[in-house]
Amino acid sequence: MTDRRQWRAPTYTEIVFNSKARPRREAVAEDKERRRLRDEEAKRRWMRGPRRGPKPGTVARYRRSDLQLCPEIDALMRNEQISLHEACMRLAEQGRVAGRNTTVESSARRLAKVYKTISN
């Protein structure tokens, strides 16, 4: 017959002063925070992975058609005394700016950006 010890509940002093009896709440919170930070760091490393596709700004799909509208933008700004943004918005609202599935605002913004690059 083997000698088996019977389990006894820890006393109050063991619970309070002995960290083996039960982990302190601060320690549990620190462990949770440490795990959360480790998971966030792993996600950041994964997100920093190599970028797929072309480099940003290298594909100018509609640049040629946008450049053809630059003389019209000049004429609108000169004749009607309007800003660059307003001239581009008018052309985009008329549907003269190339591009599929883009909003009027983004087309106008792209057109203004192209105009600024050639005017400077």
PDB file of N, CA and C in Angstrom:
ATOM      1  N   MET A   1       0.832  -1.165   0.000  1.00  0.00           N
ATOM      2  CA  MET A   1       0.000   0.000   0.000  1.00  0.00           C
ATOM      3  C   MET A   1       0.883   1.236   0.000  1.00  0.00           C
ATOM      4  N   THR A   2       0.561   2.184  -0.911  1.00  0.00           N
ATOM      5  CA  THR A   2       1.359   3.403  -0.997  1.00  0.00           C
ATOM      6  C   THR A   2       0.805   4.464  -0.087  1.00  0.00           C
ATOM      7  N   ASP A   3       1.728   5.311   0.361  1.00  0.00           N
ATOM      8  CA  ASP A   3       1.332   6.395   1.248  1.00  0.00           C
ATOM      9  C   ASP A   3       0.890   7.589   0.394  1.00  0.00           C
ATOM     10  N   ARG A   4      -0.354   7.917   0.409  1.00  0.00           N
ATOM     11  CA  ARG A   4      -0.863   9.047  -0.382  1.00  0.00           C
ATOM     12  C   ARG A   4      -1.193  10.172   0.560  1.00  0.00           C
ATOM     13  N   ARG A   5      -0.653  11.342   0.207  1.00  0.00           N
ATOM     14  CA  ARG A   5      -0.945  12.517   1.012  1.00  0.00           C
ATOM     15  C   ARG A   5      -2.292  13.080   0.612  1.00  0.00           C
ATOM     16  N   GLN A   6      -2.962  13.565   1.583  1.00  0.00           N
ATOM     17  CA  GLN A   6      -4.260  14.164   1.316  1.00  0.00           C
ATOM     18  C   GLN A   6      -4.063  15.658   1.080  1.00  0.00           C
ATOM     19  N   TRP A   7      -4.775  16.204   0.093  1.00  0.00           N
ATOM     20  CA  TRP A   7      -4.656  17.626  -0.216  1.00  0.00           C
ATOM     21  C   TRP A   7      -5.318  18.426   0.875  1.00  0.00           C
ATOM     22  N   ARG A   8      -4.675  19.555   1.240  1.00  0.00           N
ATOM     23  CA  ARG A   8      -5.284  20.452   2.207  1.00  0.00           C
ATOM     24  C   ARG A   8      -5.352  21.842   1.608  1.00  0.00           C
ATOM     25  N   ALA A   9      -6.362  22.545   1.941  1.00  0.00           N
ATOM     26  CA  ALA A   9      -6.542  23.898   1.434  1.00  0.00           C
ATOM     27  C   ALA A   9      -5.471  24.807   2.017  1.00  0.00           C
ATOM     28  N   PRO A  10      -4.966  25.778   1.190  1.00  0.00           N
ATOM     29  CA  PRO A  10      -3.953  26.689   1.721  1.00  0.00           C
ATOM     30  C   PRO A  10      -4.559  27.620   2.770  1.00  0.00           C
ATOM     31  N   THR A  11      -3.728  27.997   3.709  1.00  0.00           N
ATOM     32  CA  THR A  11      -4.193  28.910   4.748  1.00  0.00           C
ATOM     33  C   THR A  11      -4.222  30.318   4.197  1.00  0.00           C
ATOM     34  N   TYR A  12      -4.786  31.235   4.971  1.00  0.00           N
ATOM     35  CA  TYR A  12      -4.892  32.635   4.553  1.00  0.00           C
ATOM     36  C   TYR A  12      -3.513  33.234   4.324  1.00  0.00           C
ATOM     37  N   THR A  13      -2.581  32.988   5.214  1.00  0.00           N
ATOM     38  CA  THR A  13      -1.239  33.555   5.064  1.00  0.00           C
ATOM     39  C   THR A  13      -0.537  32.981   3.842  1.00  0.00           C
ATOM     40  N   GLU A  14      -0.770  31.721   3.535  1.00  0.00           N
ATOM     41  CA  GLU A  14      -0.168  31.143   2.336  1.00  0.00           C
ATOM     42  C   GLU A  14      -0.744  31.786   1.073  1.00  0.00           C
ATOM     43  N   ILE A  15      -2.015  32.042   1.102  1.00  0.00           N
ATOM     44  CA  ILE A  15      -2.647  32.676  -0.060  1.00  0.00           C
ATOM     45  C   ILE A  15      -2.105  34.079  -0.261  1.00  0.00           C
ATOM     46  N   VAL A  16      -1.989  34.836   0.815  1.00  0.00           N
ATOM     47  CA  VAL A  16      -1.566  36.227   0.724  1.00  0.00           C
ATOM     48  C   VAL A  16      -0.084  36.340   0.403  1.00  0.00           C
ATOM     49  N   PHE A  17       0.761  35.546   1.061  1.00  0.00           N
ATOM     50  CA  PHE A  17       2.203  35.744   0.954  1.00  0.00           C
ATOM     51  C   PHE A  17       2.907  34.750   0.042  1.00  0.00           C
ATOM     52  N   ASN A  18       2.265  33.705  -0.340  1.00  0.00           N
ATOM     53  CA  ASN A  18       2.908  32.705  -1.168  1.00  0.00           C
ATOM     54  C   ASN A  18       2.403  32.836  -2.602  1.00  0.00           C
ATOM     55  N   SER A  19       3.288  33.202  -3.514  1.00  0.00           N
ATOM     56  CA  SER A  19       2.866  33.402  -4.898  1.00  0.00           C
ATOM     57  C   SER A  19       2.548  32.089  -5.594  1.00  0.00           C
ATOM     58  N   LYS A  20       3.001  30.961  -5.036  1.00  0.00           N
ATOM     59  CA  LYS A  20       2.720  29.665  -5.659  1.00  0.00           C
ATOM     60  C   LYS A  20       1.268  29.247  -5.442  1.00  0.00           C
ATOM     61  N   ALA A  21       0.693  29.710  -4.343  1.00  0.00           N
ATOM     62  CA  ALA A  21      -0.678  29.310  -4.038  1.00  0.00           C
ATOM     63  C   ALA A  21      -1.652  29.849  -5.071  1.00  0.00           C
ATOM     64  N   ARG A  22      -1.549  31.144  -5.407  1.00  0.00           N
ATOM     65  CA  ARG A  22      -2.432  31.746  -6.392  1.00  0.00           C
ATOM     66  C   ARG A  22      -1.715  32.970  -6.977  1.00  0.00           C
ATOM     67  N   PRO A  23      -1.684  33.117  -8.276  1.00  0.00           N
ATOM     68  CA  PRO A  23      -0.995  34.276  -8.855  1.00  0.00           C
ATOM     69  C   PRO A  23      -1.714  35.570  -8.494  1.00  0.00           C
ATOM     70  N   ARG A  24      -0.912  36.596  -8.263  1.00  0.00           N
ATOM     71  CA  ARG A  24      -1.484  37.904  -7.944  1.00  0.00           C
ATOM     72  C   ARG A  24      -2.178  38.469  -9.179  1.00  0.00           C
ATOM     73  N   ARG A  25      -3.154  39.323  -8.940  1.00  0.00           N
ATOM     74  CA  ARG A  25      -3.904  39.912 -10.057  1.00  0.00           C
ATOM     75  C   ARG A  25      -2.992  40.745 -10.937  1.00  0.00           C
ATOM     76  N   GLU A  26      -2.024  41.435 -10.310  1.00  0.00           N
ATOM     77  CA  GLU A  26      -1.105  42.257 -11.103  1.00  0.00           C
ATOM     78  C   GLU A  26      -0.283  41.386 -12.041  1.00  0.00           C
ATOM     79  N   ALA A  27       0.146  40.231 -11.541  1.00  0.00           N
ATOM     80  CA  ALA A  27       0.949  39.338 -12.372  1.00  0.00           C
ATOM     81  C   ALA A  27       0.125  38.813 -13.542  1.00  0.00           C
ATOM     82  N   VAL A  28      -1.124  38.483 -13.291  1.00  0.00           N
ATOM     83  CA  VAL A  28      -1.996  38.000 -14.365  1.00  0.00           C
ATOM     84  C   VAL A  28      -2.204  39.100 -15.404  1.00  0.00           C
ATOM     85  N   ALA A  29      -2.413  40.331 -14.941  1.00  0.00           N
ATOM     86  CA  ALA A  29      -2.608  41.458 -15.856  1.00  0.00           C
ATOM     87  C   ALA A  29      -1.334  41.709 -16.667  1.00  0.00           C
ATOM     88  N   GLU A  30      -0.171  41.591 -16.011  1.00  0.00           N
ATOM     89  CA  GLU A  30       1.090  41.781 -16.728  1.00  0.00           C
ATOM     90  C   GLU A  30       1.271  40.715 -17.798  1.00  0.00           C
ATOM     91  N   ASP A  31       0.915  39.469 -17.469  1.00  0.00           N
ATOM     92  CA  ASP A  31       1.021  38.396 -18.455  1.00  0.00           C
ATOM     93  C   ASP A  31       0.109  38.651 -19.645  1.00  0.00           C
ATOM     94  N   LYS A  32      -1.104  39.100 -19.378  1.00  0.00           N
ATOM     95  CA  LYS A  32      -2.037  39.392 -20.477  1.00  0.00           C
ATOM     96  C   LYS A  32      -1.489  40.508 -21.361  1.00  0.00           C
ATOM     97  N   GLU A  33      -0.962  41.555 -20.722  1.00  0.00           N
ATOM     98  CA  GLU A  33      -0.407  42.682 -21.478  1.00  0.00           C
ATOM     99  C   GLU A  33       0.799  42.227 -22.299  1.00  0.00           C
ATOM    100  N   ARG A  34       1.654  41.400 -21.700  1.00  0.00           N
ATOM    101  CA  ARG A  34       2.825  40.896 -22.406  1.00  0.00           C
ATOM    102  C   ARG A  34       2.411  40.072 -23.623  1.00  0.00           C
ATOM    103  N   ARG A  35       1.397  39.222 -23.470  1.00  0.00           N
ATOM    104  CA  ARG A  35       0.911  38.423 -24.598  1.00  0.00           C
ATOM    105  C   ARG A  35       0.299  39.301 -25.685  1.00  0.00           C
ATOM    106  N   ARG A  36      -0.443  40.330 -25.262  1.00  0.00           N
ATOM    107  CA  ARG A  36      -1.061  41.226 -26.235  1.00  0.00           C
ATOM    108  C   ARG A  36       0.002  41.960 -27.050  1.00  0.00           C
ATOM    109  N   LEU A  37       1.043  42.459 -26.367  1.00  0.00           N
ATOM    110  CA  LEU A  37       2.110  43.158 -27.070  1.00  0.00           C
ATOM    111  C   LEU A  37       2.861  42.220 -28.016  1.00  0.00           C
ATOM    112  N   ARG A  38       3.071  40.964 -27.575  1.00  0.00           N
ATOM    113  CA  ARG A  38       3.759  39.998 -28.422  1.00  0.00           C
ATOM    114  C   ARG A  38       2.939  39.733 -29.680  1.00  0.00           C
ATOM    115  N   ASP A  39       1.617  39.591 -29.536  1.00  0.00           N
ATOM    116  CA  ASP A  39       0.756  39.344 -30.688  1.00  0.00           C
ATOM    117  C   ASP A  39       0.735  40.538 -31.630  1.00  0.00           C
ATOM    118  N   GLU A  40       0.712  41.755 -31.065  1.00  0.00           N
ATOM    119  CA  GLU A  40       0.728  42.954 -31.910  1.00  0.00           C
ATOM    120  C   GLU A  40       2.039  43.056 -32.676  1.00  0.00           C
ATOM    121  N   GLU A  41       3.146  42.737 -32.020  1.00  0.00           N
ATOM    122  CA  GLU A  41       4.448  42.782 -32.690  1.00  0.00           C
ATOM    123  C   GLU A  41       4.505  41.762 -33.823  1.00  0.00           C
ATOM    124  N   ALA A  42       3.952  40.564 -33.595  1.00  0.00           N
ATOM    125  CA  ALA A  42       3.930  39.550 -34.654  1.00  0.00           C
ATOM    126  C   ALA A  42       3.091  40.032 -35.834  1.00  0.00           C
ATOM    127  N   LYS A  43       1.979  40.689 -35.548  1.00  0.00           N
ATOM    128  CA  LYS A  43       1.129  41.215 -36.627  1.00  0.00           C
ATOM    129  C   LYS A  43       1.871  42.301 -37.395  1.00  0.00           C
ATOM    130  N   ARG A  44       2.593  43.185 -36.667  1.00  0.00           N
ATOM    131  CA  ARG A  44       3.352  44.239 -37.335  1.00  0.00           C
ATOM    132  C   ARG A  44       4.427  43.650 -38.239  1.00  0.00           C
ATOM    133  N   ARG A  45       5.115  42.636 -37.760  1.00  0.00           N
ATOM    134  CA  ARG A  45       6.149  42.005 -38.581  1.00  0.00           C
ATOM    135  C   ARG A  45       5.539  41.410 -39.848  1.00  0.00           C
ATOM    136  N   TRP A  46       4.363  40.779 -39.696  1.00  0.00           N
ATOM    137  CA  TRP A  46       3.703  40.192 -40.847  1.00  0.00           C
ATOM    138  C   TRP A  46       3.282  41.273 -41.842  1.00  0.00           C
ATOM    139  N   MET A  47       2.764  42.399 -41.310  1.00  0.00           N
ATOM    140  CA  MET A  47       2.307  43.482 -42.182  1.00  0.00           C
ATOM    141  C   MET A  47       3.474  44.160 -42.900  1.00  0.00           C
ATOM    142  N   ARG A  48       4.658  44.160 -42.293  1.00  0.00           N
ATOM    143  CA  ARG A  48       5.817  44.799 -42.909  1.00  0.00           C
ATOM    144  C   ARG A  48       6.448  43.928 -43.979  1.00  0.00           C
ATOM    145  N   GLY A  49       5.845  42.824 -44.269  1.00  0.00           N
ATOM    146  CA  GLY A  49       6.402  41.905 -45.255  1.00  0.00           C
ATOM    147  C   GLY A  49       6.581  42.591 -46.597  1.00  0.00           C
ATOM    148  N   PRO A  50       7.156  41.906 -47.543  1.00  0.00           N
ATOM    149  CA  PRO A  50       7.410  42.533 -48.842  1.00  0.00           C
ATOM    150  C   PRO A  50       6.111  42.955 -49.521  1.00  0.00           C
ATOM    151  N   ARG A  51       6.136  44.152 -50.067  1.00  0.00           N
ATOM    152  CA  ARG A  51       4.960  44.685 -50.745  1.00  0.00           C
ATOM    153  C   ARG A  51       4.820  43.997 -52.095  1.00  0.00           C
ATOM    154  N   ARG A  52       3.603  43.648 -52.413  1.00  0.00           N
ATOM    155  CA  ARG A  52       3.346  43.003 -53.682  1.00  0.00           C
ATOM    156  C   ARG A  52       2.885  44.041 -54.692  1.00  0.00           C
ATOM    157  N   GLY A  53       3.151  43.792 -55.944  1.00  0.00           N
ATOM    158  CA  GLY A  53       2.687  44.674 -56.994  1.00  0.00           C
ATOM    159  C   GLY A  53       3.675  45.784 -57.294  1.00  0.00           C
ATOM    160  N   PRO A  54       3.275  46.698 -58.170  1.00  0.00           N
ATOM    161  CA  PRO A  54       4.191  47.776 -58.562  1.00  0.00           C
ATOM    162  C   PRO A  54       4.385  48.782 -57.438  1.00  0.00           C
ATOM    163  N   LYS A  55       5.478  49.496 -57.499  1.00  0.00           N
ATOM    164  CA  LYS A  55       5.752  50.537 -56.520  1.00  0.00           C
ATOM    165  C   LYS A  55       4.697  51.640 -56.650  1.00  0.00           C
ATOM    166  N   PRO A  56       4.303  52.254 -55.528  1.00  0.00           N
ATOM    167  CA  PRO A  56       3.299  53.315 -55.593  1.00  0.00           C
ATOM    168  C   PRO A  56       3.789  54.482 -56.454  1.00  0.00           C
ATOM    169  N   GLY A  57       2.920  54.950 -57.325  1.00  0.00           N
ATOM    170  CA  GLY A  57       3.237  56.093 -58.168  1.00  0.00           C
ATOM    171  C   GLY A  57       3.895  55.742 -59.493  1.00  0.00           C
ATOM    172  N   THR A  58       4.179  54.471 -59.745  1.00  0.00           N
ATOM    173  CA  THR A  58       4.841  54.103 -60.995  1.00  0.00           C
ATOM    174  C   THR A  58       3.856  53.807 -62.122  1.00  0.00           C
ATOM    175  N   VAL A  59       2.632  53.470 -61.796  1.00  0.00           N
ATOM    176  CA  VAL A  59       1.637  53.178 -62.818  1.00  0.00           C
ATOM    177  C   VAL A  59       0.751  54.407 -62.983  1.00  0.00           C
ATOM    178  N   ALA A  60       0.856  55.037 -64.131  1.00  0.00           N
ATOM    179  CA  ALA A  60       0.046  56.222 -64.405  1.00  0.00           C
ATOM    180  C   ALA A  60      -0.915  55.853 -65.534  1.00  0.00           C
ATOM    181  N   ARG A  61      -2.003  55.190 -65.177  1.00  0.00           N
ATOM    182  CA  ARG A  61      -2.920  54.674 -66.190  1.00  0.00           C
ATOM    183  C   ARG A  61      -3.580  55.768 -67.026  1.00  0.00           C
ATOM    184  N   TYR A  62      -3.938  56.867 -66.405  1.00  0.00           N
ATOM    185  CA  TYR A  62      -4.709  57.892 -67.113  1.00  0.00           C
ATOM    186  C   TYR A  62      -3.913  59.177 -67.336  1.00  0.00           C
ATOM    187  N   ARG A  63      -2.603  59.126 -67.186  1.00  0.00           N
ATOM    188  CA  ARG A  63      -1.793  60.338 -67.295  1.00  0.00           C
ATOM    189  C   ARG A  63      -1.905  60.973 -68.684  1.00  0.00           C
ATOM    190  N   ARG A  64      -1.898  60.149 -69.718  1.00  0.00           N
ATOM    191  CA  ARG A  64      -1.947  60.697 -71.080  1.00  0.00           C
ATOM    192  C   ARG A  64      -3.250  61.469 -71.318  1.00  0.00           C
ATOM    193  N   SER A  65      -4.367  60.891 -70.887  1.00  0.00           N
ATOM    194  CA  SER A  65      -5.648  61.585 -71.085  1.00  0.00           C
ATOM    195  C   SER A  65      -5.754  62.810 -70.165  1.00  0.00           C
ATOM    196  N   ASP A  66      -5.150  62.714 -68.964  1.00  0.00           N
ATOM    197  CA  ASP A  66      -5.161  63.870 -68.067  1.00  0.00           C
ATOM    198  C   ASP A  66      -4.336  65.022 -68.639  1.00  0.00           C
ATOM    199  N   LEU A  67      -3.224  64.701 -69.271  1.00  0.00           N
ATOM    200  CA  LEU A  67      -2.384  65.745 -69.871  1.00  0.00           C
ATOM    201  C   LEU A  67      -3.114  66.447 -71.015  1.00  0.00           C
ATOM    202  N   GLN A  68      -3.967  65.728 -71.726  1.00  0.00           N
ATOM    203  CA  GLN A  68      -4.709  66.346 -72.827  1.00  0.00           C
ATOM    204  C   GLN A  68      -5.738  67.360 -72.319  1.00  0.00           C
ATOM    205  N   LEU A  69      -6.149  67.231 -71.054  1.00  0.00           N
ATOM    206  CA  LEU A  69      -7.129  68.166 -70.493  1.00  0.00           C
ATOM    207  C   LEU A  69      -6.486  69.419 -69.896  1.00  0.00           C
ATOM    208  N   CYS A  70      -5.165  69.442 -69.800  1.00  0.00           N
ATOM    209  CA  CYS A  70      -4.503  70.588 -69.168  1.00  0.00           C
ATOM    210  C   CYS A  70      -4.761  71.923 -69.879  1.00  0.00           C
ATOM    211  N   PRO A  71      -4.762  71.979 -71.212  1.00  0.00           N
ATOM    212  CA  PRO A  71      -5.096  73.262 -71.863  1.00  0.00           C
ATOM    213  C   PRO A  71      -6.525  73.729 -71.533  1.00  0.00           C
ATOM    214  N   GLU A  72      -7.440  72.797 -71.405  1.00  0.00           N
ATOM    215  CA  GLU A  72      -8.815  73.167 -71.042  1.00  0.00           C
ATOM    216  C   GLU A  72      -8.878  73.694 -69.616  1.00  0.00           C
ATOM    217  N   ILE A  73      -8.079  73.111 -68.737  1.00  0.00           N
ATOM    218  CA  ILE A  73      -8.032  73.604 -67.360  1.00  0.00           C
ATOM    219  C   ILE A  73      -7.497  75.025 -67.348  1.00  0.00           C
ATOM    220  N   ASP A  74      -6.440  75.269 -68.136  1.00  0.00           N
ATOM    221  CA  ASP A  74      -5.885  76.630 -68.240  1.00  0.00           C
ATOM    222  C   ASP A  74      -6.948  77.618 -68.709  1.00  0.00           C
ATOM    223  N   ALA A  75      -7.684  77.228 -69.755  1.00  0.00           N
ATOM    224  CA  ALA A  75      -8.696  78.132 -70.308  1.00  0.00           C
ATOM    225  C   ALA A  75      -9.804  78.398 -69.290  1.00  0.00           C
ATOM    226  N   LEU A  76     -10.258  77.367 -68.608  1.00  0.00           N
ATOM    227  CA  LEU A  76     -11.301  77.557 -67.590  1.00  0.00           C
ATOM    228  C   LEU A  76     -10.830  78.488 -66.477  1.00  0.00           C
ATOM    229  N   MET A  77      -9.612  78.267 -66.006  1.00  0.00           N
ATOM    230  CA  MET A  77      -9.108  79.094 -64.903  1.00  0.00           C
ATOM    231  C   MET A  77      -8.925  80.543 -65.349  1.00  0.00           C
ATOM    232  N   ARG A  78      -8.470  80.745 -66.566  1.00  0.00           N
ATOM    233  CA  ARG A  78      -8.217  82.102 -67.052  1.00  0.00           C
ATOM    234  C   ARG A  78      -9.519  82.828 -67.390  1.00  0.00           C
ATOM    235  N   ASN A  79     -10.424  82.186 -68.124  1.00  0.00           N
ATOM    236  CA  ASN A  79     -11.642  82.848 -68.603  1.00  0.00           C
ATOM    237  C   ASN A  79     -12.680  83.045 -67.504  1.00  0.00           C
ATOM    238  N   GLU A  80     -12.854  82.056 -66.647  1.00  0.00           N
ATOM    239  CA  GLU A  80     -13.916  82.137 -65.650  1.00  0.00           C
ATOM    240  C   GLU A  80     -13.420  82.526 -64.265  1.00  0.00           C
ATOM    241  N   GLN A  81     -12.105  82.732 -64.138  1.00  0.00           N
ATOM    242  CA  GLN A  81     -11.507  83.141 -62.858  1.00  0.00           C
ATOM    243  C   GLN A  81     -11.886  82.174 -61.726  1.00  0.00           C
ATOM    244  N   ILE A  82     -11.626  80.886 -61.946  1.00  0.00           N
ATOM    245  CA  ILE A  82     -11.920  79.888 -60.924  1.00  0.00           C
ATOM    246  C   ILE A  82     -10.616  79.190 -60.524  1.00  0.00           C
ATOM    247  N   SER A  83     -10.668  78.494 -59.422  1.00  0.00           N
ATOM    248  CA  SER A  83      -9.473  77.812 -58.918  1.00  0.00           C
ATOM    249  C   SER A  83      -9.210  76.536 -59.706  1.00  0.00           C
ATOM    250  N   LEU A  84      -8.038  75.986 -59.485  1.00  0.00           N
ATOM    251  CA  LEU A  84      -7.661  74.738 -60.137  1.00  0.00           C
ATOM    252  C   LEU A  84      -8.619  73.613 -59.729  1.00  0.00           C
ATOM    253  N   HIS A  85      -8.923  73.551 -58.453  1.00  0.00           N
ATOM    254  CA  HIS A  85      -9.817  72.503 -57.967  1.00  0.00           C
ATOM    255  C   HIS A  85     -11.202  72.612 -58.612  1.00  0.00           C
ATOM    256  N   GLU A  86     -11.725  73.816 -58.691  1.00  0.00           N
ATOM    257  CA  GLU A  86     -13.055  74.002 -59.303  1.00  0.00           C
ATOM    258  C   GLU A  86     -13.047  73.637 -60.785  1.00  0.00           C
ATOM    259  N   ALA A  87     -11.973  73.995 -61.503  1.00  0.00           N
ATOM    260  CA  ALA A  87     -11.881  73.649 -62.927  1.00  0.00           C
ATOM    261  C   ALA A  87     -11.841  72.134 -63.108  1.00  0.00           C
ATOM    262  N   CYS A  88     -11.075  71.464 -62.274  1.00  0.00           N
ATOM    263  CA  CYS A  88     -10.993  69.998 -62.367  1.00  0.00           C
ATOM    264  C   CYS A  88     -12.320  69.357 -61.988  1.00  0.00           C
ATOM    265  N   MET A  89     -12.995  69.915 -60.984  1.00  0.00           N
ATOM    266  CA  MET A  89     -14.299  69.372 -60.589  1.00  0.00           C
ATOM    267  C   MET A  89     -15.311  69.508 -61.724  1.00  0.00           C
ATOM    268  N   ARG A  90     -15.300  70.636 -62.413  1.00  0.00           N
ATOM    269  CA  ARG A  90     -16.243  70.824 -63.525  1.00  0.00           C
ATOM    270  C   ARG A  90     -16.012  69.802 -64.628  1.00  0.00           C
ATOM    271  N   LEU A  91     -14.732  69.602 -64.980  1.00  0.00           N
ATOM    272  CA  LEU A  91     -14.433  68.627 -66.025  1.00  0.00           C
ATOM    273  C   LEU A  91     -14.818  67.215 -65.579  1.00  0.00           C
ATOM    274  N   ALA A  92     -14.596  66.898 -64.320  1.00  0.00           N
ATOM    275  CA  ALA A  92     -14.940  65.560 -63.819  1.00  0.00           C
ATOM    276  C   ALA A  92     -16.455  65.372 -63.781  1.00  0.00           C
ATOM    277  N   GLU A  93     -17.186  66.412 -63.389  1.00  0.00           N
ATOM    278  CA  GLU A  93     -18.651  66.311 -63.349  1.00  0.00           C
ATOM    279  C   GLU A  93     -19.246  66.150 -64.744  1.00  0.00           C
ATOM    280  N   GLN A  94     -18.575  66.726 -65.750  1.00  0.00           N
ATOM    281  CA  GLN A  94     -19.033  66.574 -67.129  1.00  0.00           C
ATOM    282  C   GLN A  94     -18.678  65.202 -67.699  1.00  0.00           C
ATOM    283  N   GLY A  95     -17.879  64.443 -66.968  1.00  0.00           N
ATOM    284  CA  GLY A  95     -17.485  63.116 -67.428  1.00  0.00           C
ATOM    285  C   GLY A  95     -16.350  63.136 -68.416  1.00  0.00           C
ATOM    286  N   ARG A  96     -15.576  64.190 -68.434  1.00  0.00           N
ATOM    287  CA  ARG A  96     -14.495  64.317 -69.396  1.00  0.00           C
ATOM    288  C   ARG A  96     -13.195  63.704 -68.898  1.00  0.00           C
ATOM    289  N   VAL A  97     -13.118  63.388 -67.598  1.00  0.00           N
ATOM    290  CA  VAL A  97     -11.901  62.824 -67.019  1.00  0.00           C
ATOM    291  C   VAL A  97     -11.988  61.306 -67.113  1.00  0.00           C
ATOM    292  N   ALA A  98     -10.929  60.687 -67.617  1.00  0.00           N
ATOM    293  CA  ALA A  98     -10.898  59.235 -67.791  1.00  0.00           C
ATOM    294  C   ALA A  98     -10.822  58.534 -66.444  1.00  0.00           C
ATOM    295  N   GLY A  99     -11.290  57.308 -66.425  1.00  0.00           N
ATOM    296  CA  GLY A  99     -11.207  56.499 -65.212  1.00  0.00           C
ATOM    297  C   GLY A  99     -12.519  55.792 -64.954  1.00  0.00           C
ATOM    298  N   ARG A 100     -12.408  54.526 -64.551  1.00  0.00           N
ATOM    299  CA  ARG A 100     -13.608  53.744 -64.281  1.00  0.00           C
ATOM    300  C   ARG A 100     -13.777  53.577 -62.792  1.00  0.00           C
ATOM    301  N   ASN A 101     -15.009  53.583 -62.345  1.00  0.00           N
ATOM    302  CA  ASN A 101     -15.360  53.330 -60.953  1.00  0.00           C
ATOM    303  C   ASN A 101     -14.644  54.263 -59.973  1.00  0.00           C
ATOM    304  N   THR A 102     -14.456  55.487 -60.365  1.00  0.00           N
ATOM    305  CA  THR A 102     -13.852  56.458 -59.454  1.00  0.00           C
ATOM    306  C   THR A 102     -14.864  57.558 -59.194  1.00  0.00           C
ATOM    307  N   THR A 103     -14.795  58.130 -58.030  1.00  0.00           N
ATOM    308  CA  THR A 103     -15.705  59.223 -57.713  1.00  0.00           C
ATOM    309  C   THR A 103     -15.259  60.481 -58.430  1.00  0.00           C
ATOM    310  N   VAL A 104     -16.148  61.431 -58.528  1.00  0.00           N
ATOM    311  CA  VAL A 104     -15.837  62.700 -59.183  1.00  0.00           C
ATOM    312  C   VAL A 104     -14.704  63.396 -58.439  1.00  0.00           C
ATOM    313  N   GLU A 105     -14.745  63.345 -57.110  1.00  0.00           N
ATOM    314  CA  GLU A 105     -13.728  64.028 -56.305  1.00  0.00           C
ATOM    315  C   GLU A 105     -12.347  63.437 -56.531  1.00  0.00           C
ATOM    316  N   SER A 106     -12.248  62.102 -56.567  1.00  0.00           N
ATOM    317  CA  SER A 106     -10.923  61.489 -56.734  1.00  0.00           C
ATOM    318  C   SER A 106     -10.382  61.720 -58.140  1.00  0.00           C
ATOM    319  N   SER A 107     -11.268  61.724 -59.139  1.00  0.00           N
ATOM    320  CA  SER A 107     -10.815  62.020 -60.505  1.00  0.00           C
ATOM    321  C   SER A 107     -10.313  63.454 -60.595  1.00  0.00           C
ATOM    322  N   ALA A 108     -11.045  64.374 -59.981  1.00  0.00           N
ATOM    323  CA  ALA A 108     -10.631  65.778 -59.999  1.00  0.00           C
ATOM    324  C   ALA A 108      -9.317  65.959 -59.249  1.00  0.00           C
ATOM    325  N   ARG A 109      -9.155  65.266 -58.147  1.00  0.00           N
ATOM    326  CA  ARG A 109      -7.918  65.362 -57.364  1.00  0.00           C
ATOM    327  C   ARG A 109      -6.727  64.850 -58.176  1.00  0.00           C
ATOM    328  N   ARG A 110      -6.917  63.730 -58.881  1.00  0.00           N
ATOM    329  CA  ARG A 110      -5.853  63.175 -59.714  1.00  0.00           C
ATOM    330  C   ARG A 110      -5.498  64.130 -60.846  1.00  0.00           C
ATOM    331  N   LEU A 111      -6.517  64.715 -61.471  1.00  0.00           N
ATOM    332  CA  LEU A 111      -6.294  65.653 -62.568  1.00  0.00           C
ATOM    333  C   LEU A 111      -5.545  66.894 -62.086  1.00  0.00           C
ATOM    334  N   ALA A 112      -5.914  67.399 -60.922  1.00  0.00           N
ATOM    335  CA  ALA A 112      -5.229  68.574 -60.367  1.00  0.00           C
ATOM    336  C   ALA A 112      -3.782  68.246 -60.040  1.00  0.00           C
ATOM    337  N   LYS A 113      -3.534  67.046 -59.562  1.00  0.00           N
ATOM    338  CA  LYS A 113      -2.173  66.640 -59.232  1.00  0.00           C
ATOM    339  C   LYS A 113      -1.307  66.588 -60.487  1.00  0.00           C
ATOM    340  N   VAL A 114      -1.865  66.058 -61.584  1.00  0.00           N
ATOM    341  CA  VAL A 114      -1.128  66.004 -62.851  1.00  0.00           C
ATOM    342  C   VAL A 114      -0.865  67.412 -63.357  1.00  0.00           C
ATOM    343  N   TYR A 115      -1.862  68.285 -63.246  1.00  0.00           N
ATOM    344  CA  TYR A 115      -1.700  69.661 -63.715  1.00  0.00           C
ATOM    345  C   TYR A 115      -0.597  70.376 -62.935  1.00  0.00           C
ATOM    346  N   LYS A 116      -0.561  70.164 -61.628  1.00  0.00           N
ATOM    347  CA  LYS A 116       0.457  70.815 -60.803  1.00  0.00           C
ATOM    348  C   LYS A 116       1.865  70.342 -61.171  1.00  0.00           C
ATOM    349  N   THR A 117       2.013  69.073 -61.564  1.00  0.00           N
ATOM    350  CA  THR A 117       3.341  68.569 -61.905  1.00  0.00           C
ATOM    351  C   THR A 117       3.864  69.195 -63.184  1.00  0.00           C
ATOM    352  N   ILE A 118       2.983  69.483 -64.132  1.00  0.00           N
ATOM    353  CA  ILE A 118       3.480  70.069 -65.387  1.00  0.00           C
ATOM    354  C   ILE A 118       3.573  71.582 -65.316  1.00  0.00           C
ATOM    355  N   SER A 119       2.806  72.204 -64.426  1.00  0.00           N
ATOM    356  CA  SER A 119       2.827  73.670 -64.380  1.00  0.00           C
ATOM    357  C   SER A 119       4.003  74.206 -63.579  1.00  0.00           C
ATOM    358  N   ASN A 120       4.585  73.395 -62.731  1.00  0.00           N
ATOM    359  CA  ASN A 120       5.730  73.875 -61.922  1.00  0.00           C
ATOM    360  C   ASN A 120       7.034  73.630 -62.594  1.00  0.00           C
TER     361      ASN A 120
END
